[in-house]
C-alpha atoms as a PDB file:
ATOM      1  CA  MET A   1      13.884  -4.592 -12.438  1.00  0.00           C
ATOM      2  CA  ARG A   2      13.831  -0.957 -11.375  1.00  0.00           C
ATOM      3  CA  SER A   3      10.049  -0.966 -11.166  1.00  0.00           C
ATOM      4  CA  ILE A   4       9.950  -4.010  -8.892  1.00  0.00           C
ATOM      5  CA  ARG A   5      12.724  -2.664  -6.689  1.00  0.00           C
ATOM      6  CA  HIS A   6      10.935   0.700  -6.445  1.00  0.00           C
ATOM      7  CA  LYS A   7       7.683  -0.969  -5.353  1.00  0.00           C
ATOM      8  CA  ILE A   8       9.415  -3.126  -2.740  1.00  0.00           C
ATOM      9  CA  LEU A   9      11.395  -0.224  -1.275  1.00  0.00           C
ATOM     10  CA  PHE A  10       8.322   1.999  -1.248  1.00  0.00           C
ATOM     11  CA  ALA A  11       6.206  -0.665   0.484  1.00  0.00           C
ATOM     12  CA  ALA A  12       8.884  -1.273   3.099  1.00  0.00           C
ATOM     13  CA  GLY A  13       9.275   2.433   3.817  1.00  0.00           C
ATOM     14  CA  PHE A  14       5.549   2.981   3.842  1.00  0.00           C
ATOM     15  CA  ALA A  15       4.937   0.127   6.271  1.00  0.00           C
ATOM     16  CA  SER A  16       7.378   1.647   8.729  1.00  0.00           C
ATOM     17  CA  THR A  17       5.399   4.919   8.810  1.00  0.00           C
ATOM     18  CA  ALA A  18       2.057   3.238   9.515  1.00  0.00           C
ATOM     19  CA  SER A  19       2.268   3.331  13.298  1.00  0.00           C
ATOM     20  CA  ALA A  20      -1.343   3.941  14.348  1.00  0.00           C
ATOM     21  CA  GLY A  21      -3.555   0.878  14.779  1.00  0.00           C
ATOM     22  CA  SER A  22      -6.000   1.977  12.105  1.00  0.00           C
ATOM     23  CA  CYS A  23      -3.172   2.544   9.633  1.00  0.00           C
ATOM     24  CA  ILE A  24      -1.835  -0.930  10.278  1.00  0.00           C
ATOM     25  CA  GLU A  25      -5.287  -2.327   9.500  1.00  0.00           C
ATOM     26  CA  CYS A  26      -5.155  -0.542   6.138  1.00  0.00           C
ATOM     27  CA  MET A  27      -1.725  -2.057   5.455  1.00  0.00           C
ATOM     28  CA  ASP A  28      -3.196  -5.469   6.296  1.00  0.00           C
ATOM     29  CA  ILE A  29      -5.886  -4.858   3.660  1.00  0.00           C
ATOM     30  CA  TYR A  30      -3.157  -3.973   1.160  1.00  0.00           C
ATOM     31  CA  ASN A  31      -1.059  -7.040   2.004  1.00  0.00           C
ATOM     32  CA  ALA A  32      -4.048  -9.402   1.781  1.00  0.00           C
ATOM     33  CA  CYS A  33      -5.012  -7.866  -1.563  1.00  0.00           C
ATOM     34  CA  MET A  34      -1.497  -8.283  -2.955  1.00  0.00           C
ATOM     35  CA  THR A  35      -1.612 -11.962  -2.028  1.00  0.00           C
ATOM     36  CA  ALA A  36      -5.138 -12.501  -3.373  1.00  0.00           C
ATOM     37  CA  THR A  37      -4.608 -10.674  -6.690  1.00  0.00           C
ATOM     38  CA  GLY A  38      -1.126 -11.975  -7.394  1.00  0.00           C
ATOM     39  CA  GLY A  39       0.411  -8.549  -6.870  1.00  0.00           C
ATOM     40  CA  ASP A  40      -1.892  -6.092  -8.688  1.00  0.00           C
ATOM     41  CA  TYR A  41      -0.422  -2.969  -7.106  1.00  0.00           C
ATOM     42  CA  GLY A  42      -2.905  -0.490  -8.591  1.00  0.00           C
ATOM     43  CA  VAL A  43      -5.966  -2.347  -7.298  1.00  0.00           C
ATOM     44  CA  CYS A  44      -4.445  -2.946  -3.883  1.00  0.00           C
ATOM     45  CA  ALA A  45      -3.196   0.621  -3.438  1.00  0.00           C
ATOM     46  CA  HIS A  46      -6.712   1.830  -4.249  1.00  0.00           C
ATOM     47  CA  GLN A  47      -8.246  -0.505  -1.649  1.00  0.00           C
ATOM     48  CA  HIS A  48      -5.680   0.661   0.897  1.00  0.00           C
ATOM     49  CA  ASN A  49      -6.474   4.309   0.184  1.00  0.00           C
ATOM     50  CA  LEU A  50     -10.202   3.723   0.621  1.00  0.00           C
ATOM     51  CA  CYS A  51      -9.388   2.532   4.148  1.00  0.00           C
ATOM     52  CA  ALA A  52      -6.661   5.089   4.875  1.00  0.00           C
ATOM     53  CA  ALA A  53      -8.184   8.379   3.711  1.00  0.00           C
ATOM     54  CA  PRO A  54     -11.002   8.627   6.275  1.00  0.00           C
ATOM     55  CA  GLN A  55      -8.546   7.737   9.066  1.00  0.00           C
ATOM     56  CA  ASN A  56      -5.900  10.315   8.050  1.00  0.00           C
ATOM     57  CA  CYS A  57      -3.329   7.614   7.313  1.00  0.00           C
ATOM     58  CA  PRO A  58      -0.690   8.134   4.620  1.00  0.00           C
ATOM     59  CA  LEU A  59      -1.979   7.326   1.136  1.00  0.00           C
ATOM     60  CA  MET A  60      -0.179   5.122  -1.380  1.00  0.00           C
ATOM     61  CA  PRO A  61       0.324   6.357  -4.923  1.00  0.00           C
ATOM     62  CA  GLU A  62      -2.088   4.462  -7.143  1.00  0.00           C
ATOM     63  CA  ILE A  63      -0.082   4.904 -10.338  1.00  0.00           C
ATOM     64  CA  ILE A  64       3.645   4.324 -10.650  1.00  0.00           C
ATOM     65  CA  ILE A  65       5.355   5.986 -13.595  1.00  0.00           C
ATOM     66  CA  ASP A  66       8.700   4.435 -14.476  1.00  0.00           C
END
């Protein structure tokens, strides 16, 4: 349960920091990926980071160690 709670709290906190329009678009990519893949965090975080890095948006950790 800790792992799921950690992911949810991180995503909620991360979403609140994505204030620029381009960063919100990257979060939309992440959210669509999570829906399409059934919640494969690693894949979706990677897709988000591909969008976010060139736009200087905050990056998501791609690996969560419990």
